[in-house]
Amino acid sequence: ASVLSSVQADLFITGEMSHHEVLDAVAKGTSVILSDHSNSERG
């Protein structure tokens, strides 16, 4: 979230974001995909 929060994009992909961070992204029209933290790295 700290890296993505100010970015304009159609979609965010990360491991985890807090409830309110997701709400902020959604309000801007950005969809969010969360995989859980280490699942975004392990591959």
PDB file of all heavy atoms in Angstrom:
ATOM      1  N   ALA A   1       0.803  -1.213   0.000  1.00  0.00           N
ATOM      2  CA  ALA A   1       0.000   0.000   0.000  1.00  0.00           C
ATOM      3  C   ALA A   1       0.842   1.272   0.000  1.00  0.00           C
ATOM      4  O   ALA A   1       0.504   2.255  -0.659  1.00  0.00           O
ATOM      5  CB  ALA A   1      -0.954   0.002   1.192  1.00  0.00           C
ATOM      6  N   SER A   2       1.946   1.279   0.737  1.00  0.00           N
ATOM      7  CA  SER A   2       2.753   2.499   0.838  1.00  0.00           C
ATOM      8  C   SER A   2       3.351   2.888  -0.504  1.00  0.00           C
ATOM      9  O   SER A   2       3.577   4.068  -0.782  1.00  0.00           O
ATOM     10  CB  SER A   2       3.867   2.325   1.868  1.00  0.00           C
ATOM     11  OG  SER A   2       4.742   1.273   1.486  1.00  0.00           O
ATOM     12  N   VAL A   3       3.602   1.903  -1.365  1.00  0.00           N
ATOM     13  CA  VAL A   3       4.168   2.166  -2.684  1.00  0.00           C
ATOM     14  C   VAL A   3       3.070   2.477  -3.695  1.00  0.00           C
ATOM     15  O   VAL A   3       3.243   3.310  -4.597  1.00  0.00           O
ATOM     16  CB  VAL A   3       5.004   0.956  -3.166  1.00  0.00           C
ATOM     17  CG1 VAL A   3       5.482   1.155  -4.596  1.00  0.00           C
ATOM     18  CG2 VAL A   3       6.193   0.735  -2.235  1.00  0.00           C
ATOM     19  N   LEU A   4       1.903   1.840  -3.542  1.00  0.00           N
ATOM     20  CA  LEU A   4       0.835   1.945  -4.538  1.00  0.00           C
ATOM     21  C   LEU A   4      -0.129   3.106  -4.308  1.00  0.00           C
ATOM     22  O   LEU A   4      -0.817   3.524  -5.240  1.00  0.00           O
ATOM     23  CB  LEU A   4       0.021   0.635  -4.562  1.00  0.00           C
ATOM     24  CG  LEU A   4       0.778  -0.644  -4.895  1.00  0.00           C
ATOM     25  CD1 LEU A   4      -0.146  -1.850  -4.742  1.00  0.00           C
ATOM     26  CD2 LEU A   4       1.346  -0.588  -6.301  1.00  0.00           C
ATOM     27  N   SER A   5      -0.202   3.632  -3.103  1.00  0.00           N
ATOM     28  CA  SER A   5      -1.292   4.531  -2.718  1.00  0.00           C
ATOM     29  C   SER A   5      -1.462   5.746  -3.617  1.00  0.00           C
ATOM     30  O   SER A   5      -2.588   6.187  -3.865  1.00  0.00           O
ATOM     31  CB  SER A   5      -1.107   4.985  -1.266  1.00  0.00           C
ATOM     32  OG  SER A   5       0.122   5.679  -1.114  1.00  0.00           O
ATOM     33  N   SER A   6      -0.383   6.301  -4.133  1.00  0.00           N
ATOM     34  CA  SER A   6      -0.482   7.521  -4.939  1.00  0.00           C
ATOM     35  C   SER A   6      -0.484   7.248  -6.438  1.00  0.00           C
ATOM     36  O   SER A   6      -0.426   8.182  -7.243  1.00  0.00           O
ATOM     37  CB  SER A   6       0.679   8.466  -4.596  1.00  0.00           C
ATOM     38  OG  SER A   6       1.928   7.854  -4.899  1.00  0.00           O
ATOM     39  N   VAL A   7      -0.565   5.982  -6.822  1.00  0.00           N
ATOM     40  CA  VAL A   7      -0.461   5.597  -8.228  1.00  0.00           C
ATOM     41  C   VAL A   7      -1.840   5.553  -8.884  1.00  0.00           C
ATOM     42  O   VAL A   7      -2.808   5.087  -8.276  1.00  0.00           O
ATOM     43  CB  VAL A   7       0.219   4.209  -8.357  1.00  0.00           C
ATOM     44  CG1 VAL A   7       0.308   3.780  -9.811  1.00  0.00           C
ATOM     45  CG2 VAL A   7       1.596   4.243  -7.720  1.00  0.00           C
ATOM     46  N   GLN A   8      -1.924   6.036 -10.121  1.00  0.00           N
ATOM     47  CA  GLN A   8      -3.140   5.925 -10.914  1.00  0.00           C
ATOM     48  C   GLN A   8      -3.038   4.680 -11.788  1.00  0.00           C
ATOM     49  O   GLN A   8      -2.142   4.584 -12.630  1.00  0.00           O
ATOM     50  CB  GLN A   8      -3.314   7.170 -11.791  1.00  0.00           C
ATOM     51  CG  GLN A   8      -3.567   8.466 -11.025  1.00  0.00           C
ATOM     52  CD  GLN A   8      -4.941   8.491 -10.373  1.00  0.00           C
ATOM     53  OE1 GLN A   8      -5.903   7.917 -10.890  1.00  0.00           O
ATOM     54  NE2 GLN A   8      -5.038   9.152  -9.232  1.00  0.00           N
ATOM     55  N   ALA A   9      -3.930   3.713 -11.577  1.00  0.00           N
ATOM     56  CA  ALA A   9      -3.924   2.482 -12.370  1.00  0.00           C
ATOM     57  C   ALA A   9      -5.301   1.848 -12.314  1.00  0.00           C
ATOM     58  O   ALA A   9      -6.090   2.107 -11.390  1.00  0.00           O
ATOM     59  CB  ALA A   9      -2.867   1.511 -11.842  1.00  0.00           C
ATOM     60  N   ASP A  10      -5.592   1.014 -13.295  1.00  0.00           N
ATOM     61  CA  ASP A  10      -6.870   0.301 -13.311  1.00  0.00           C
ATOM     62  C   ASP A  10      -6.899  -0.809 -12.278  1.00  0.00           C
ATOM     63  O   ASP A  10      -7.967  -1.181 -11.779  1.00  0.00           O
ATOM     64  CB  ASP A  10      -7.127  -0.312 -14.700  1.00  0.00           C
ATOM     65  CG  ASP A  10      -7.213   0.737 -15.790  1.00  0.00           C
ATOM     66  OD1 ASP A  10      -7.822   1.799 -15.546  1.00  0.00           O
ATOM     67  OD2 ASP A  10      -6.664   0.497 -16.883  1.00  0.00           O
ATOM     68  N   LEU A  11      -5.703  -1.341 -11.949  1.00  0.00           N
ATOM     69  CA  LEU A  11      -5.635  -2.509 -11.074  1.00  0.00           C
ATOM     70  C   LEU A  11      -4.389  -2.448 -10.208  1.00  0.00           C
ATOM     71  O   LEU A  11      -3.303  -2.114 -10.693  1.00  0.00           O
ATOM     72  CB  LEU A  11      -5.595  -3.782 -11.929  1.00  0.00           C
ATOM     73  CG  LEU A  11      -5.462  -5.121 -11.204  1.00  0.00           C
ATOM     74  CD1 LEU A  11      -6.697  -5.402 -10.356  1.00  0.00           C
ATOM     75  CD2 LEU A  11      -5.243  -6.248 -12.216  1.00  0.00           C
ATOM     76  N   PHE A  12      -4.559  -2.748  -8.919  1.00  0.00           N
ATOM     77  CA  PHE A  12      -3.445  -2.944  -7.999  1.00  0.00           C
ATOM     78  C   PHE A  12      -3.313  -4.439  -7.731  1.00  0.00           C
ATOM     79  O   PHE A  12      -4.314  -5.128  -7.502  1.00  0.00           O
ATOM     80  CB  PHE A  12      -3.680  -2.251  -6.654  1.00  0.00           C
ATOM     81  CG  PHE A  12      -3.544  -0.747  -6.676  1.00  0.00           C
ATOM     82  CD1 PHE A  12      -3.931   0.001  -5.559  1.00  0.00           C
ATOM     83  CD2 PHE A  12      -3.036  -0.076  -7.770  1.00  0.00           C
ATOM     84  CE1 PHE A  12      -3.811   1.379  -5.553  1.00  0.00           C
ATOM     85  CE2 PHE A  12      -2.915   1.313  -7.777  1.00  0.00           C
ATOM     86  CZ  PHE A  12      -3.305   2.039  -6.667  1.00  0.00           C
ATOM     87  N   ILE A  13      -2.070  -4.934  -7.715  1.00  0.00           N
ATOM     88  CA  ILE A  13      -1.805  -6.327  -7.344  1.00  0.00           C
ATOM     89  C   ILE A  13      -0.726  -6.327  -6.268  1.00  0.00           C
ATOM     90  O   ILE A  13       0.366  -5.790  -6.473  1.00  0.00           O
ATOM     91  CB  ILE A  13      -1.330  -7.159  -8.550  1.00  0.00           C
ATOM     92  CG1 ILE A  13      -2.383  -7.173  -9.658  1.00  0.00           C
ATOM     93  CG2 ILE A  13      -1.012  -8.592  -8.113  1.00  0.00           C
ATOM     94  CD1 ILE A  13      -1.915  -7.834 -10.942  1.00  0.00           C
ATOM     95  N   THR A  14      -1.040  -6.907  -5.122  1.00  0.00           N
ATOM     96  CA  THR A  14      -0.078  -6.980  -4.031  1.00  0.00           C
ATOM     97  C   THR A  14      -0.463  -8.147  -3.132  1.00  0.00           C
ATOM     98  O   THR A  14      -1.452  -8.851  -3.379  1.00  0.00           O
ATOM     99  CB  THR A  14      -0.021  -5.653  -3.241  1.00  0.00           C
ATOM    100  OG1 THR A  14       1.042  -5.719  -2.282  1.00  0.00           O
ATOM    101  CG2 THR A  14      -1.326  -5.359  -2.533  1.00  0.00           C
ATOM    102  N   GLY A  15       0.326  -8.369  -2.085  1.00  0.00           N
ATOM    103  CA  GLY A  15       0.033  -9.460  -1.171  1.00  0.00           C
ATOM    104  C   GLY A  15      -1.050  -9.107  -0.182  1.00  0.00           C
ATOM    105  O   GLY A  15      -2.009  -9.850   0.019  1.00  0.00           O
ATOM    106  N   GLU A  16      -0.889  -7.940   0.454  1.00  0.00           N
ATOM    107  CA  GLU A  16      -1.856  -7.533   1.474  1.00  0.00           C
ATOM    108  C   GLU A  16      -1.971  -6.022   1.542  1.00  0.00           C
ATOM    109  O   GLU A  16      -1.015  -5.290   1.279  1.00  0.00           O
ATOM    110  CB  GLU A  16      -1.447  -8.088   2.839  1.00  0.00           C
ATOM    111  CG  GLU A  16      -0.078  -7.611   3.317  1.00  0.00           C
ATOM    112  CD  GLU A  16       0.297  -8.153   4.682  1.00  0.00           C
ATOM    113  OE1 GLU A  16      -0.620  -8.452   5.482  1.00  0.00           O
ATOM    114  OE2 GLU A  16       1.504  -8.265   4.961  1.00  0.00           O
ATOM    115  N   MET A  17      -3.176  -5.568   1.877  1.00  0.00           N
ATOM    116  CA  MET A  17      -3.468  -4.168   2.167  1.00  0.00           C
ATOM    117  C   MET A  17      -4.480  -4.146   3.299  1.00  0.00           C
ATOM    118  O   MET A  17      -5.265  -5.090   3.454  1.00  0.00           O
ATOM    119  CB  MET A  17      -4.045  -3.444   0.940  1.00  0.00           C
ATOM    120  CG  MET A  17      -3.067  -3.271  -0.214  1.00  0.00           C
ATOM    121  SD  MET A  17      -3.841  -2.655  -1.744  1.00  0.00           S
ATOM    122  CE  MET A  17      -4.373  -1.010  -1.236  1.00  0.00           C
ATOM    123  N   SER A  18      -4.477  -3.084   4.087  1.00  0.00           N
ATOM    124  CA  SER A  18      -5.456  -2.984   5.167  1.00  0.00           C
ATOM    125  C   SER A  18      -6.842  -2.682   4.588  1.00  0.00           C
ATOM    126  O   SER A  18      -6.983  -2.263   3.428  1.00  0.00           O
ATOM    127  CB  SER A  18      -5.063  -1.884   6.145  1.00  0.00           C
ATOM    128  OG  SER A  18      -5.316  -0.602   5.580  1.00  0.00           O
ATOM    129  N   HIS A  19      -7.846  -2.891   5.386  1.00  0.00           N
ATOM    130  CA  HIS A  19      -9.241  -2.628   4.981  1.00  0.00           C
ATOM    131  C   HIS A  19      -9.396  -1.211   4.432  1.00  0.00           C
ATOM    132  O   HIS A  19      -9.976  -1.001   3.363  1.00  0.00           O
ATOM    133  CB  HIS A  19     -10.150  -2.843   6.198  1.00  0.00           C
ATOM    134  CG  HIS A  19     -11.572  -2.453   5.982  1.00  0.00           C
ATOM    135  ND1 HIS A  19     -12.451  -3.194   5.227  1.00  0.00           N
ATOM    136  CD2 HIS A  19     -12.280  -1.369   6.431  1.00  0.00           C
ATOM    137  CE1 HIS A  19     -13.640  -2.612   5.218  1.00  0.00           C
ATOM    138  NE2 HIS A  19     -13.554  -1.503   5.942  1.00  0.00           N
ATOM    139  N   HIS A  20      -8.877  -0.234   5.158  1.00  0.00           N
ATOM    140  CA  HIS A  20      -9.065   1.166   4.759  1.00  0.00           C
ATOM    141  C   HIS A  20      -8.227   1.515   3.529  1.00  0.00           C
ATOM    142  O   HIS A  20      -8.629   2.365   2.727  1.00  0.00           O
ATOM    143  CB  HIS A  20      -8.746   2.092   5.929  1.00  0.00           C
ATOM    144  CG  HIS A  20      -9.702   1.926   7.070  1.00  0.00           C
ATOM    145  ND1 HIS A  20     -10.989   2.391   7.029  1.00  0.00           N
ATOM    146  CD2 HIS A  20      -9.557   1.301   8.263  1.00  0.00           C
ATOM    147  CE1 HIS A  20     -11.609   2.090   8.161  1.00  0.00           C
ATOM    148  NE2 HIS A  20     -10.758   1.427   8.930  1.00  0.00           N
ATOM    149  N   GLU A  21      -7.084   0.876   3.376  1.00  0.00           N
ATOM    150  CA  GLU A  21      -6.284   1.095   2.166  1.00  0.00           C
ATOM    151  C   GLU A  21      -6.998   0.563   0.932  1.00  0.00           C
ATOM    152  O   GLU A  21      -6.969   1.184  -0.140  1.00  0.00           O
ATOM    153  CB  GLU A  21      -4.914   0.441   2.331  1.00  0.00           C
ATOM    154  CG  GLU A  21      -4.023   1.141   3.357  1.00  0.00           C
ATOM    155  CD  GLU A  21      -2.854   0.288   3.814  1.00  0.00           C
ATOM    156  OE1 GLU A  21      -2.859  -0.933   3.578  1.00  0.00           O
ATOM    157  OE2 GLU A  21      -1.927   0.857   4.426  1.00  0.00           O
ATOM    158  N   VAL A  22      -7.676  -0.572   1.075  1.00  0.00           N
ATOM    159  CA  VAL A  22      -8.466  -1.114  -0.027  1.00  0.00           C
ATOM    160  C   VAL A  22      -9.616  -0.176  -0.361  1.00  0.00           C
ATOM    161  O   VAL A  22      -9.900   0.116  -1.528  1.00  0.00           O
ATOM    162  CB  VAL A  22      -8.988  -2.525   0.309  1.00  0.00           C
ATOM    163  CG1 VAL A  22      -9.980  -3.003  -0.764  1.00  0.00           C
ATOM    164  CG2 VAL A  22      -7.841  -3.513   0.435  1.00  0.00           C
ATOM    165  N   LEU A  23     -10.296   0.331   0.668  1.00  0.00           N
ATOM    166  CA  LEU A  23     -11.410   1.264   0.447  1.00  0.00           C
ATOM    167  C   LEU A  23     -10.939   2.516  -0.304  1.00  0.00           C
ATOM    168  O   LEU A  23     -11.645   3.026  -1.183  1.00  0.00           O
ATOM    169  CB  LEU A  23     -12.041   1.665   1.778  1.00  0.00           C
ATOM    170  CG  LEU A  23     -12.859   0.597   2.511  1.00  0.00           C
ATOM    171  CD1 LEU A  23     -13.377   1.149   3.828  1.00  0.00           C
ATOM    172  CD2 LEU A  23     -14.012   0.109   1.646  1.00  0.00           C
ATOM    173  N   ASP A  24      -9.771   3.020   0.040  1.00  0.00           N
ATOM    174  CA  ASP A  24      -9.238   4.207  -0.639  1.00  0.00           C
ATOM    175  C   ASP A  24      -9.016   3.930  -2.120  1.00  0.00           C
ATOM    176  O   ASP A  24      -9.332   4.763  -2.976  1.00  0.00           O
ATOM    177  CB  ASP A  24      -7.907   4.629   0.008  1.00  0.00           C
ATOM    178  CG  ASP A  24      -8.089   5.261   1.372  1.00  0.00           C
ATOM    179  OD1 ASP A  24      -9.219   5.703   1.674  1.00  0.00           O
ATOM    180  OD2 ASP A  24      -7.113   5.297   2.143  1.00  0.00           O
ATOM    181  N   ALA A  25      -8.454   2.754  -2.434  1.00  0.00           N
ATOM    182  CA  ALA A  25      -8.202   2.406  -3.828  1.00  0.00           C
ATOM    183  C   ALA A  25      -9.507   2.250  -4.588  1.00  0.00           C
ATOM    184  O   ALA A  25      -9.669   2.773  -5.702  1.00  0.00           O
ATOM    185  CB  ALA A  25      -7.391   1.114  -3.904  1.00  0.00           C
ATOM    186  N   VAL A  26     -10.459   1.535  -3.993  1.00  0.00           N
ATOM    187  CA  VAL A  26     -11.755   1.290  -4.639  1.00  0.00           C
ATOM    188  C   VAL A  26     -12.482   2.605  -4.927  1.00  0.00           C
ATOM    189  O   VAL A  26     -13.088   2.780  -5.991  1.00  0.00           O
ATOM    190  CB  VAL A  26     -12.614   0.366  -3.747  1.00  0.00           C
ATOM    191  CG1 VAL A  26     -14.068   0.365  -4.208  1.00  0.00           C
ATOM    192  CG2 VAL A  26     -12.050  -1.051  -3.758  1.00  0.00           C
ATOM    193  N   ALA A  27     -12.413   3.548  -3.994  1.00  0.00           N
ATOM    194  CA  ALA A  27     -13.091   4.837  -4.176  1.00  0.00           C
ATOM    195  C   ALA A  27     -12.547   5.597  -5.375  1.00  0.00           C
ATOM    196  O   ALA A  27     -13.257   6.405  -5.990  1.00  0.00           O
ATOM    197  CB  ALA A  27     -12.948   5.677  -2.913  1.00  0.00           C
ATOM    198  N   LYS A  28     -11.278   5.346  -5.735  1.00  0.00           N
ATOM    199  CA  LYS A  28     -10.670   5.998  -6.896  1.00  0.00           C
ATOM    200  C   LYS A  28     -10.937   5.235  -8.191  1.00  0.00           C
ATOM    201  O   LYS A  28     -10.434   5.614  -9.249  1.00  0.00           O
ATOM    202  CB  LYS A  28      -9.161   6.140  -6.683  1.00  0.00           C
ATOM    203  CG  LYS A  28      -8.777   7.061  -5.537  1.00  0.00           C
ATOM    204  CD  LYS A  28      -7.275   7.304  -5.483  1.00  0.00           C
ATOM    205  CE  LYS A  28      -6.502   6.054  -5.162  1.00  0.00           C
ATOM    206  NZ  LYS A  28      -5.041   6.317  -4.998  1.00  0.00           N
ATOM    207  N   GLY A  29     -11.698   4.142  -8.100  1.00  0.00           N
ATOM    208  CA  GLY A  29     -12.004   3.363  -9.288  1.00  0.00           C
ATOM    209  C   GLY A  29     -10.969   2.298  -9.614  1.00  0.00           C
ATOM    210  O   GLY A  29     -11.011   1.692 -10.682  1.00  0.00           O
ATOM    211  N   THR A  30     -10.051   2.054  -8.690  1.00  0.00           N
ATOM    212  CA  THR A  30      -8.999   1.053  -8.889  1.00  0.00           C
ATOM    213  C   THR A  30      -9.408  -0.275  -8.265  1.00  0.00           C
ATOM    214  O   THR A  30      -9.744  -0.323  -7.080  1.00  0.00           O
ATOM    215  CB  THR A  30      -7.671   1.512  -8.268  1.00  0.00           C
ATOM    216  OG1 THR A  30      -7.252   2.731  -8.879  1.00  0.00           O
ATOM    217  CG2 THR A  30      -6.586   0.460  -8.454  1.00  0.00           C
ATOM    218  N   SER A  31      -9.393  -1.335  -9.045  1.00  0.00           N
ATOM    219  CA  SER A  31      -9.650  -2.668  -8.507  1.00  0.00           C
ATOM    220  C   SER A  31      -8.382  -3.194  -7.834  1.00  0.00           C
ATOM    221  O   SER A  31      -7.262  -2.786  -8.178  1.00  0.00           O
ATOM    222  CB  SER A  31     -10.090  -3.617  -9.624  1.00  0.00           C
ATOM    223  OG  SER A  31     -11.296  -3.166 -10.216  1.00  0.00           O
ATOM    224  N   VAL A  32      -8.573  -4.094  -6.871  1.00  0.00           N
ATOM    225  CA  VAL A  32      -7.452  -4.597  -6.077  1.00  0.00           C
ATOM    226  C   VAL A  32      -7.482  -6.121  -6.042  1.00  0.00           C
ATOM    227  O   VAL A  32      -8.520  -6.722  -5.751  1.00  0.00           O
ATOM    228  CB  VAL A  32      -7.499  -4.059  -4.633  1.00  0.00           C
ATOM    229  CG1 VAL A  32      -6.348  -4.632  -3.807  1.00  0.00           C
ATOM    230  CG2 VAL A  32      -7.463  -2.533  -4.623  1.00  0.00           C
ATOM    231  N   ILE A  33      -6.348  -6.740  -6.342  1.00  0.00           N
ATOM    232  CA  ILE A  33      -6.169  -8.186  -6.186  1.00  0.00           C
ATOM    233  C   ILE A  33      -5.153  -8.423  -5.081  1.00  0.00           C
ATOM    234  O   ILE A  33      -4.042  -7.888  -5.126  1.00  0.00           O
ATOM    235  CB  ILE A  33      -5.681  -8.846  -7.496  1.00  0.00           C
ATOM    236  CG1 ILE A  33      -6.787  -8.854  -8.549  1.00  0.00           C
ATOM    237  CG2 ILE A  33      -5.215 -10.275  -7.225  1.00  0.00           C
ATOM    238  CD1 ILE A  33      -6.347  -9.436  -9.886  1.00  0.00           C
ATOM    239  N   LEU A  34      -5.556  -9.212  -4.081  1.00  0.00           N
ATOM    240  CA  LEU A  34      -4.678  -9.566  -2.975  1.00  0.00           C
ATOM    241  C   LEU A  34      -4.466 -11.073  -2.960  1.00  0.00           C
ATOM    242  O   LEU A  34      -5.414 -11.848  -3.094  1.00  0.00           O
ATOM    243  CB  LEU A  34      -5.277  -9.128  -1.632  1.00  0.00           C
ATOM    244  CG  LEU A  34      -5.589  -7.635  -1.461  1.00  0.00           C
ATOM    245  CD1 LEU A  34      -6.207  -7.384  -0.079  1.00  0.00           C
ATOM    246  CD2 LEU A  34      -4.343  -6.796  -1.637  1.00  0.00           C
ATOM    247  N   SER A  35      -3.205 -11.487  -2.766  1.00  0.00           N
ATOM    248  CA  SER A  35      -2.872 -12.918  -2.798  1.00  0.00           C
ATOM    249  C   SER A  35      -2.490 -13.470  -1.432  1.00  0.00           C
ATOM    250  O   SER A  35      -2.274 -14.672  -1.294  1.00  0.00           O
ATOM    251  CB  SER A  35      -1.704 -13.147  -3.759  1.00  0.00           C
ATOM    252  OG  SER A  35      -0.539 -12.501  -3.274  1.00  0.00           O
ATOM    253  N   ASP A  36      -2.404 -12.620  -0.409  1.00  0.00           N
ATOM    254  CA  ASP A  36      -1.749 -12.843   0.878  1.00  0.00           C
ATOM    255  C   ASP A  36      -0.244 -12.669   0.671  1.00  0.00           C
ATOM    256  O   ASP A  36       0.294 -12.933  -0.398  1.00  0.00           O
ATOM    257  CB  ASP A  36      -2.085 -14.187   1.507  1.00  0.00           C
ATOM    258  CG  ASP A  36      -3.506 -14.194   2.088  1.00  0.00           C
ATOM    259  OD1 ASP A  36      -3.992 -13.111   2.465  1.00  0.00           O
ATOM    260  OD2 ASP A  36      -4.123 -15.274   2.137  1.00  0.00           O
ATOM    261  N   HIS A  37       0.396 -12.202   1.744  1.00  0.00           N
ATOM    262  CA  HIS A  37       1.724 -11.594   1.652  1.00  0.00           C
ATOM    263  C   HIS A  37       2.745 -12.423   0.863  1.00  0.00           C
ATOM    264  O   HIS A  37       3.209 -12.020  -0.211  1.00  0.00           O
ATOM    265  CB  HIS A  37       2.254 -11.322   3.060  1.00  0.00           C
ATOM    266  CG  HIS A  37       3.484 -10.487   3.100  1.00  0.00           C
ATOM    267  ND1 HIS A  37       3.500  -9.187   3.566  1.00  0.00           N
ATOM    268  CD2 HIS A  37       4.757 -10.745   2.713  1.00  0.00           C
ATOM    269  CE1 HIS A  37       4.724  -8.695   3.465  1.00  0.00           C
ATOM    270  NE2 HIS A  37       5.508  -9.630   2.951  1.00  0.00           N
ATOM    271  N   SER A  38       3.096 -13.578   1.387  1.00  0.00           N
ATOM    272  CA  SER A  38       4.218 -14.299   0.771  1.00  0.00           C
ATOM    273  C   SER A  38       3.858 -14.969  -0.546  1.00  0.00           C
ATOM    274  O   SER A  38       4.746 -15.324  -1.327  1.00  0.00           O
ATOM    275  CB  SER A  38       4.788 -15.341   1.747  1.00  0.00           C
ATOM    276  OG  SER A  38       3.855 -16.375   1.990  1.00  0.00           O
ATOM    277  N   ASN A  39       2.555 -15.133  -0.822  1.00  0.00           N
ATOM    278  CA  ASN A  39       2.154 -15.709  -2.107  1.00  0.00           C
ATOM    279  C   ASN A  39       2.495 -14.787  -3.274  1.00  0.00           C
ATOM    280  O   ASN A  39       2.583 -15.243  -4.417  1.00  0.00           O
ATOM    281  CB  ASN A  39       0.654 -16.002  -2.117  1.00  0.00           C
ATOM    282  CG  ASN A  39       0.293 -17.171  -1.220  1.00  0.00           C
ATOM    283  OD1 ASN A  39       1.095 -18.073  -1.008  1.00  0.00           O
ATOM    284  ND2 ASN A  39      -0.910 -17.145  -0.678  1.00  0.00           N
ATOM    285  N   SER A  40       2.681 -13.514  -2.995  1.00  0.00           N
ATOM    286  CA  SER A  40       3.058 -12.571  -4.056  1.00  0.00           C
ATOM    287  C   SER A  40       4.553 -12.589  -4.328  1.00  0.00           C
ATOM    288  O   SER A  40       5.033 -11.920  -5.240  1.00  0.00           O
ATOM    289  CB  SER A  40       2.617 -11.148  -3.677  1.00  0.00           C
ATOM    290  OG  SER A  40       3.339 -10.674  -2.547  1.00  0.00           O
ATOM    291  N   GLU A  41       5.315 -13.360  -3.541  1.00  0.00           N
ATOM    292  CA  GLU A  41       6.775 -13.364  -3.630  1.00  0.00           C
ATOM    293  C   GLU A  41       7.355 -14.749  -3.934  1.00  0.00           C
ATOM    294  O   GLU A  41       8.373 -14.870  -4.626  1.00  0.00           O
ATOM    295  CB  GLU A  41       7.361 -12.885  -2.290  1.00  0.00           C
ATOM    296  CG  GLU A  41       6.829 -11.553  -1.822  1.00  0.00           C
ATOM    297  CD  GLU A  41       6.927 -11.344  -0.322  1.00  0.00           C
ATOM    298  OE1 GLU A  41       6.993 -12.352   0.426  1.00  0.00           O
ATOM    299  OE2 GLU A  41       6.936 -10.186   0.108  1.00  0.00           O
ATOM    300  N   ARG A  42       6.713 -15.788  -3.400  1.00  0.00           N
ATOM    301  CA  ARG A  42       7.310 -17.120  -3.361  1.00  0.00           C
ATOM    302  C   ARG A  42       7.671 -17.665  -4.738  1.00  0.00           C
ATOM    303  O   ARG A  42       8.692 -18.351  -4.909  1.00  0.00           O
ATOM    304  CB  ARG A  42       6.368 -18.084  -2.634  1.00  0.00           C
ATOM    305  CG  ARG A  42       6.934 -19.478  -2.418  1.00  0.00           C
ATOM    306  CD  ARG A  42       6.086 -20.308  -1.484  1.00  0.00           C
ATOM    307  NE  ARG A  42       6.213 -19.819  -0.111  1.00  0.00           N
ATOM    308  CZ  ARG A  42       5.304 -19.046   0.489  1.00  0.00           C
ATOM    309  NH1 ARG A  42       4.206 -18.694  -0.138  1.00  0.00           N
ATOM    310  NH2 ARG A  42       5.503 -18.638   1.723  1.00  0.00           N
ATOM    311  N   GLY A  43       6.843 -17.390  -5.742  1.00  0.00           N
ATOM    312  CA  GLY A  43       7.095 -17.932  -7.069  1.00  0.00           C
ATOM    313  C   GLY A  43       8.405 -17.482  -7.686  1.00  0.00           C
ATOM    314  O   GLY A  43       8.948 -18.150  -8.572  1.00  0.00           O
TER     315      GLY A  43
END
